[in-house]
């Protein structure tokens, strides 16, 4: 049995709300998905929570209820965490040292799941039209904004406060995601071409010391 868990997070600073989303794919077929809202959460907080919740769903799926034993069909199990966050993948496989003492409990949850399920990791480029990554991105954004998904694609504009507005709006690439900022209202959203329209030039905020 091959299981892939796609996860994503949507957030900015510790003083703003955030959201996460995950999708579980079993032997190439989407099985389930989930999302949640977080208060006072950075983007990394949301990315971390998405990975934890997605892997927790896998553990629940492959464990016989009321025991710690695996379901018979899950003995030959391969689990891969797929994300566009290199930081979360690095925390998962030990490439990056976790230094946020205030969130150590969350890191321990992640490590418990990674070790219990013998999780491998795979990076996917954000906004590269990967079906499940794109779905996670949407789930995380909707959860952050606290809005329900519109079943009518023609009503996607209801999921955004920026929409197709052109004035006072700038595009900024940050943390592996393209953000849209409306300076009139102070609204920040992850870019969605279907909602925000085609964007022009983009400002990139680089991380680290490679400036």
C-alpha atoms as a PDB file:
ATOM      1  CA  UNK A   1       0.000   0.000   0.000  1.00  0.00           C
ATOM      2  CA  UNK A   2       1.402   3.371  -1.061  1.00  0.00           C
ATOM      3  CA  UNK A   3       0.093   6.446   0.734  1.00  0.00           C
ATOM      4  CA  UNK A   4       1.007  10.034  -0.085  1.00  0.00           C
ATOM      5  CA  UNK A   5       0.046  12.868   2.238  1.00  0.00           C
ATOM      6  CA  UNK A   6       0.008  16.302   0.663  1.00  0.00           C
ATOM      7  CA  UNK A   7      -0.067  19.208   3.097  1.00  0.00           C
ATOM      8  CA  UNK A   8       0.029  22.982   2.964  1.00  0.00           C
ATOM      9  CA  UNK A   9      -0.373  26.005   5.208  1.00  0.00           C
ATOM     10  CA  UNK A  10      -1.503  29.582   4.765  1.00  0.00           C
ATOM     11  CA  UNK A  11      -0.440  32.308   7.181  1.00  0.00           C
ATOM     12  CA  UNK A  12       1.682  35.421   7.549  1.00  0.00           C
ATOM     13  CA  UNK A  13       2.601  36.609  11.057  1.00  0.00           C
ATOM     14  CA  UNK A  14       1.967  35.419  14.608  1.00  0.00           C
ATOM     15  CA  UNK A  15      -0.600  38.198  15.009  1.00  0.00           C
ATOM     16  CA  UNK A  16      -2.853  37.009  12.187  1.00  0.00           C
ATOM     17  CA  UNK A  17      -5.024  33.985  11.541  1.00  0.00           C
ATOM     18  CA  UNK A  18      -3.863  31.019   9.509  1.00  0.00           C
ATOM     19  CA  UNK A  19      -5.124  27.778   8.020  1.00  0.00           C
ATOM     20  CA  UNK A  20      -3.887  24.381   6.901  1.00  0.00           C
ATOM     21  CA  UNK A  21      -5.008  21.691   4.489  1.00  0.00           C
ATOM     22  CA  UNK A  22      -4.108  18.104   3.698  1.00  0.00           C
ATOM     23  CA  UNK A  23      -4.998  15.459   1.127  1.00  0.00           C
ATOM     24  CA  UNK A  24      -4.432  11.705   1.506  1.00  0.00           C
ATOM     25  CA  UNK A  25      -3.806   9.691  -1.671  1.00  0.00           C
ATOM     26  CA  UNK A  26      -3.815   5.878  -1.546  1.00  0.00           C
ATOM     27  CA  UNK A  27      -2.246   3.963  -4.424  1.00  0.00           C
ATOM     28  CA  UNK A  28      -2.670   6.965  -6.687  1.00  0.00           C
ATOM     29  CA  UNK A  29      -6.319   7.635  -5.808  1.00  0.00           C
ATOM     30  CA  UNK A  30      -7.468  10.500  -3.584  1.00  0.00           C
ATOM     31  CA  UNK A  31      -9.035   9.061  -0.418  1.00  0.00           C
ATOM     32  CA  UNK A  32      -9.757  11.990   1.876  1.00  0.00           C
ATOM     33  CA  UNK A  33      -8.941  15.593   2.722  1.00  0.00           C
ATOM     34  CA  UNK A  34      -9.156  17.962   5.658  1.00  0.00           C
ATOM     35  CA  UNK A  35      -8.415  21.485   6.816  1.00  0.00           C
ATOM     36  CA  UNK A  36      -8.499  23.700   9.861  1.00  0.00           C
ATOM     37  CA  UNK A  37      -8.250  27.273  11.130  1.00  0.00           C
ATOM     38  CA  UNK A  38      -5.489  28.490  13.447  1.00  0.00           C
ATOM     39  CA  UNK A  39      -5.436  31.712  15.452  1.00  0.00           C
ATOM     40  CA  UNK A  40      -2.228  33.737  15.767  1.00  0.00           C
ATOM     41  CA  UNK A  41      -0.239  31.463  13.475  1.00  0.00           C
ATOM     42  CA  UNK A  42       2.716  32.066  11.163  1.00  0.00           C
ATOM     43  CA  UNK A  43       2.980  30.364   7.792  1.00  0.00           C
ATOM     44  CA  UNK A  44       5.414  27.820   9.254  1.00  0.00           C
ATOM     45  CA  UNK A  45       2.961  27.094  12.097  1.00  0.00           C
ATOM     46  CA  UNK A  46       0.294  26.326   9.506  1.00  0.00           C
ATOM     47  CA  UNK A  47       2.602  24.230   7.334  1.00  0.00           C
ATOM     48  CA  UNK A  48       3.618  22.203  10.398  1.00  0.00           C
ATOM     49  CA  UNK A  49       0.036  21.646  11.521  1.00  0.00           C
ATOM     50  CA  UNK A  50      -1.000  20.543   8.044  1.00  0.00           C
ATOM     51  CA  UNK A  51       1.701  17.877   8.003  1.00  0.00           C
ATOM     52  CA  UNK A  52       0.789  16.672  11.510  1.00  0.00           C
ATOM     53  CA  UNK A  53      -2.923  16.430  10.789  1.00  0.00           C
ATOM     54  CA  UNK A  54      -2.397  14.682   7.469  1.00  0.00           C
ATOM     55  CA  UNK A  55      -0.040  12.078   8.931  1.00  0.00           C
ATOM     56  CA  UNK A  56      -2.358  11.609  11.924  1.00  0.00           C
ATOM     57  CA  UNK A  57      -5.099  10.683   9.479  1.00  0.00           C
ATOM     58  CA  UNK A  58      -2.797   8.087   7.912  1.00  0.00           C
ATOM     59  CA  UNK A  59      -2.013   6.546  11.309  1.00  0.00           C
ATOM     60  CA  UNK A  60      -5.727   6.352  12.105  1.00  0.00           C
ATOM     61  CA  UNK A  61      -6.437   4.808   8.703  1.00  0.00           C
ATOM     62  CA  UNK A  62      -3.842   2.032   8.967  1.00  0.00           C
ATOM     63  CA  UNK A  63      -4.408   1.108  12.640  1.00  0.00           C
ATOM     64  CA  UNK A  64      -6.943  -1.460  13.824  1.00  0.00           C
ATOM     65  CA  UNK A  65      -9.456   0.415  16.055  1.00  0.00           C
ATOM     66  CA  UNK A  66      -8.772  -0.031  19.763  1.00  0.00           C
ATOM     67  CA  UNK A  67      -5.271  -1.434  19.195  1.00  0.00           C
ATOM     68  CA  UNK A  68      -1.822  -0.317  18.125  1.00  0.00           C
ATOM     69  CA  UNK A  69      -1.686  -2.946  15.386  1.00  0.00           C
ATOM     70  CA  UNK A  70      -1.768  -2.231  11.688  1.00  0.00           C
ATOM     71  CA  UNK A  71      -4.639  -3.262   9.464  1.00  0.00           C
ATOM     72  CA  UNK A  72      -3.722  -6.435   7.495  1.00  0.00           C
ATOM     73  CA  UNK A  73      -3.780  -4.538   4.200  1.00  0.00           C
ATOM     74  CA  UNK A  74      -1.298  -1.982   5.559  1.00  0.00           C
ATOM     75  CA  UNK A  75       1.608  -4.277   6.492  1.00  0.00           C
ATOM     76  CA  UNK A  76       3.466  -3.531   3.251  1.00  0.00           C
ATOM     77  CA  UNK A  77       3.151   0.212   3.770  1.00  0.00           C
ATOM     78  CA  UNK A  78       4.961   3.143   2.153  1.00  0.00           C
ATOM     79  CA  UNK A  79       4.122   6.661   3.391  1.00  0.00           C
ATOM     80  CA  UNK A  80       5.427   9.860   1.785  1.00  0.00           C
ATOM     81  CA  UNK A  81       4.853  13.406   3.014  1.00  0.00           C
ATOM     82  CA  UNK A  82       4.619  15.768   0.041  1.00  0.00           C
ATOM     83  CA  UNK A  83       4.883  19.518   0.569  1.00  0.00           C
ATOM     84  CA  UNK A  84       6.090  22.729  -1.056  1.00  0.00           C
ATOM     85  CA  UNK A  85       7.589  23.737   2.314  1.00  0.00           C
ATOM     86  CA  UNK A  86      11.247  22.749   2.431  1.00  0.00           C
ATOM     87  CA  UNK A  87      11.318  23.792   6.082  1.00  0.00           C
ATOM     88  CA  UNK A  88       8.623  21.308   7.145  1.00  0.00           C
ATOM     89  CA  UNK A  89      10.196  18.548   5.061  1.00  0.00           C
ATOM     90  CA  UNK A  90      13.554  19.355   6.630  1.00  0.00           C
ATOM     91  CA  UNK A  91      12.046  19.178  10.121  1.00  0.00           C
ATOM     92  CA  UNK A  92      10.489  15.841   9.182  1.00  0.00           C
ATOM     93  CA  UNK A  93      13.583  14.092   7.841  1.00  0.00           C
ATOM     94  CA  UNK A  94      16.104  15.751  10.171  1.00  0.00           C
ATOM     95  CA  UNK A  95      17.761  17.962   7.569  1.00  0.00           C
ATOM     96  CA  UNK A  96      16.845  21.064   9.584  1.00  0.00           C
ATOM     97  CA  UNK A  97      17.192  21.409  13.321  1.00  0.00           C
ATOM     98  CA  UNK A  98      14.012  22.551  15.078  1.00  0.00           C
ATOM     99  CA  UNK A  99      14.858  25.651  17.118  1.00  0.00           C
ATOM    100  CA  UNK A 100      11.432  26.971  18.168  1.00  0.00           C
ATOM    101  CA  UNK A 101      11.277  25.986  21.824  1.00  0.00           C
ATOM    102  CA  UNK A 102       7.738  27.333  22.248  1.00  0.00           C
ATOM    103  CA  UNK A 103       6.489  24.887  19.617  1.00  0.00           C
ATOM    104  CA  UNK A 104       8.532  21.870  20.692  1.00  0.00           C
ATOM    105  CA  UNK A 105       5.399  19.837  21.482  1.00  0.00           C
ATOM    106  CA  UNK A 106       4.246  20.204  17.865  1.00  0.00           C
ATOM    107  CA  UNK A 107       7.640  19.091  16.602  1.00  0.00           C
ATOM    108  CA  UNK A 108       7.487  16.029  18.865  1.00  0.00           C
ATOM    109  CA  UNK A 109       4.062  15.165  17.423  1.00  0.00           C
ATOM    110  CA  UNK A 110       5.501  15.392  13.919  1.00  0.00           C
ATOM    111  CA  UNK A 111       8.490  13.227  14.800  1.00  0.00           C
ATOM    112  CA  UNK A 112       6.302  10.604  16.495  1.00  0.00           C
ATOM    113  CA  UNK A 113       4.209  10.241  13.333  1.00  0.00           C
ATOM    114  CA  UNK A 114       7.240  10.263  11.026  1.00  0.00           C
ATOM    115  CA  UNK A 115       8.956   7.489  12.986  1.00  0.00           C
ATOM    116  CA  UNK A 116       5.814   5.429  13.587  1.00  0.00           C
ATOM    117  CA  UNK A 117       4.937   5.434   9.888  1.00  0.00           C
ATOM    118  CA  UNK A 118       8.537   5.412   8.593  1.00  0.00           C
ATOM    119  CA  UNK A 119       7.697   8.497   6.532  1.00  0.00           C
ATOM    120  CA  UNK A 120       9.691   9.564   3.494  1.00  0.00           C
ATOM    121  CA  UNK A 121       9.531  13.099   2.132  1.00  0.00           C
ATOM    122  CA  UNK A 122       9.132  14.637  -1.302  1.00  0.00           C
ATOM    123  CA  UNK A 123       9.239  18.297  -2.278  1.00  0.00           C
ATOM    124  CA  UNK A 124       6.836  19.692  -4.850  1.00  0.00           C
ATOM    125  CA  UNK A 125       7.122  23.175  -6.270  1.00  0.00           C
ATOM    126  CA  UNK A 126       4.285  25.404  -5.172  1.00  0.00           C
ATOM    127  CA  UNK A 127       1.869  26.711  -7.800  1.00  0.00           C
ATOM    128  CA  UNK A 128       3.180  24.236 -10.361  1.00  0.00           C
ATOM    129  CA  UNK A 129      -0.263  22.822 -11.231  1.00  0.00           C
ATOM    130  CA  UNK A 130       0.217  19.703  -9.118  1.00  0.00           C
ATOM    131  CA  UNK A 131      -3.384  18.604  -8.516  1.00  0.00           C
ATOM    132  CA  UNK A 132      -3.123  17.673  -4.851  1.00  0.00           C
ATOM    133  CA  UNK A 133      -0.755  20.477  -3.880  1.00  0.00           C
ATOM    134  CA  UNK A 134      -3.131  22.961  -5.487  1.00  0.00           C
ATOM    135  CA  UNK A 135      -6.037  21.449  -3.573  1.00  0.00           C
ATOM    136  CA  UNK A 136      -4.168  21.707  -0.261  1.00  0.00           C
ATOM    137  CA  UNK A 137      -3.363  25.334  -1.009  1.00  0.00           C
ATOM    138  CA  UNK A 138      -7.043  26.087  -1.575  1.00  0.00           C
ATOM    139  CA  UNK A 139      -8.139  24.237   1.557  1.00  0.00           C
ATOM    140  CA  UNK A 140      -5.572  26.119   3.666  1.00  0.00           C
ATOM    141  CA  UNK A 141      -6.605  29.499   2.269  1.00  0.00           C
ATOM    142  CA  UNK A 142     -10.302  28.887   2.800  1.00  0.00           C
ATOM    143  CA  UNK A 143      -9.632  27.707   6.356  1.00  0.00           C
ATOM    144  CA  UNK A 144      -7.509  30.786   7.091  1.00  0.00           C
ATOM    145  CA  UNK A 145     -10.271  33.105   5.913  1.00  0.00           C
ATOM    146  CA  UNK A 146     -12.950  31.078   7.640  1.00  0.00           C
ATOM    147  CA  UNK A 147     -15.103  30.799   4.521  1.00  0.00           C
ATOM    148  CA  UNK A 148     -16.882  27.798   3.065  1.00  0.00           C
ATOM    149  CA  UNK A 149     -15.962  26.531  -0.357  1.00  0.00           C
ATOM    150  CA  UNK A 150     -18.321  27.577  -3.115  1.00  0.00           C
ATOM    151  CA  UNK A 151     -19.573  24.628  -5.143  1.00  0.00           C
ATOM    152  CA  UNK A 152     -20.210  26.976  -8.045  1.00  0.00           C
ATOM    153  CA  UNK A 153     -16.925  27.861  -9.740  1.00  0.00           C
ATOM    154  CA  UNK A 154     -18.544  31.042 -11.029  1.00  0.00           C
ATOM    155  CA  UNK A 155     -18.815  32.192  -7.414  1.00  0.00           C
ATOM    156  CA  UNK A 156     -15.138  31.806  -6.496  1.00  0.00           C
ATOM    157  CA  UNK A 157     -15.005  35.562  -6.049  1.00  0.00           C
ATOM    158  CA  UNK A 158     -16.968  35.021  -2.823  1.00  0.00           C
ATOM    159  CA  UNK A 159     -13.884  33.366  -1.332  1.00  0.00           C
ATOM    160  CA  UNK A 160     -11.763  36.504  -1.565  1.00  0.00           C
ATOM    161  CA  UNK A 161     -11.827  40.083  -0.332  1.00  0.00           C
ATOM    162  CA  UNK A 162      -9.412  41.241  -3.033  1.00  0.00           C
ATOM    163  CA  UNK A 163     -10.887  39.569  -6.098  1.00  0.00           C
ATOM    164  CA  UNK A 164     -10.110  41.049  -9.495  1.00  0.00           C
ATOM    165  CA  UNK A 165      -9.329  44.464  -8.054  1.00  0.00           C
ATOM    166  CA  UNK A 166      -6.364  45.994  -9.916  1.00  0.00           C
ATOM    167  CA  UNK A 167      -5.555  49.246  -8.114  1.00  0.00           C
ATOM    168  CA  UNK A 168      -3.525  49.331  -4.890  1.00  0.00           C
ATOM    169  CA  UNK A 169      -2.604  45.653  -5.325  1.00  0.00           C
ATOM    170  CA  UNK A 170       0.923  44.208  -5.507  1.00  0.00           C
ATOM    171  CA  UNK A 171       2.215  40.645  -5.992  1.00  0.00           C
ATOM    172  CA  UNK A 172       5.003  39.425  -3.680  1.00  0.00           C
ATOM    173  CA  UNK A 173       6.778  36.063  -3.814  1.00  0.00           C
ATOM    174  CA  UNK A 174       7.570  34.938  -0.270  1.00  0.00           C
ATOM    175  CA  UNK A 175       8.120  31.605   1.471  1.00  0.00           C
ATOM    176  CA  UNK A 176       7.529  29.569  -1.657  1.00  0.00           C
ATOM    177  CA  UNK A 177       4.156  31.178  -2.328  1.00  0.00           C
ATOM    178  CA  UNK A 178       2.898  34.086  -4.397  1.00  0.00           C
ATOM    179  CA  UNK A 179       1.007  36.547  -2.193  1.00  0.00           C
ATOM    180  CA  UNK A 180      -1.405  39.280  -3.262  1.00  0.00           C
ATOM    181  CA  UNK A 181      -1.494  42.367  -1.037  1.00  0.00           C
ATOM    182  CA  UNK A 182      -4.208  45.032  -1.175  1.00  0.00           C
ATOM    183  CA  UNK A 183      -2.721  48.166   0.385  1.00  0.00           C
ATOM    184  CA  UNK A 184      -6.115  49.875   0.663  1.00  0.00           C
ATOM    185  CA  UNK A 185      -7.577  47.253   2.991  1.00  0.00           C
ATOM    186  CA  UNK A 186      -4.426  45.537   4.274  1.00  0.00           C
ATOM    187  CA  UNK A 187      -5.727  42.198   2.969  1.00  0.00           C
ATOM    188  CA  UNK A 188      -3.191  39.466   2.141  1.00  0.00           C
ATOM    189  CA  UNK A 189      -4.149  36.343   0.202  1.00  0.00           C
ATOM    190  CA  UNK A 190      -2.346  33.524  -1.591  1.00  0.00           C
ATOM    191  CA  UNK A 191      -2.527  34.054  -5.347  1.00  0.00           C
ATOM    192  CA  UNK A 192      -5.203  32.228  -7.315  1.00  0.00           C
ATOM    193  CA  UNK A 193      -5.333  33.116 -11.003  1.00  0.00           C
ATOM    194  CA  UNK A 194      -8.997  32.142 -11.281  1.00  0.00           C
ATOM    195  CA  UNK A 195      -9.852  34.634  -8.534  1.00  0.00           C
ATOM    196  CA  UNK A 196      -7.268  37.413  -8.826  1.00  0.00           C
ATOM    197  CA  UNK A 197      -6.761  37.384 -12.576  1.00  0.00           C
ATOM    198  CA  UNK A 198      -3.476  37.458 -14.460  1.00  0.00           C
ATOM    199  CA  UNK A 199      -0.795  39.336 -12.539  1.00  0.00           C
ATOM    200  CA  UNK A 200       2.104  41.308 -13.945  1.00  0.00           C
ATOM    201  CA  UNK A 201       5.491  41.924 -12.330  1.00  0.00           C
ATOM    202  CA  UNK A 202       6.288  40.322  -8.979  1.00  0.00           C
ATOM    203  CA  UNK A 203       8.448  41.476  -6.072  1.00  0.00           C
ATOM    204  CA  UNK A 204      10.454  38.678  -4.428  1.00  0.00           C
ATOM    205  CA  UNK A 205      11.373  38.727  -0.727  1.00  0.00           C
ATOM    206  CA  UNK A 206      14.351  36.445  -0.263  1.00  0.00           C
ATOM    207  CA  UNK A 207      15.084  34.546   2.912  1.00  0.00           C
ATOM    208  CA  UNK A 208      18.432  33.750   4.440  1.00  0.00           C
ATOM    209  CA  UNK A 209      21.740  35.457   3.698  1.00  0.00           C
ATOM    210  CA  UNK A 210      21.745  35.133  -0.097  1.00  0.00           C
ATOM    211  CA  UNK A 211      20.841  38.801  -0.627  1.00  0.00           C
END
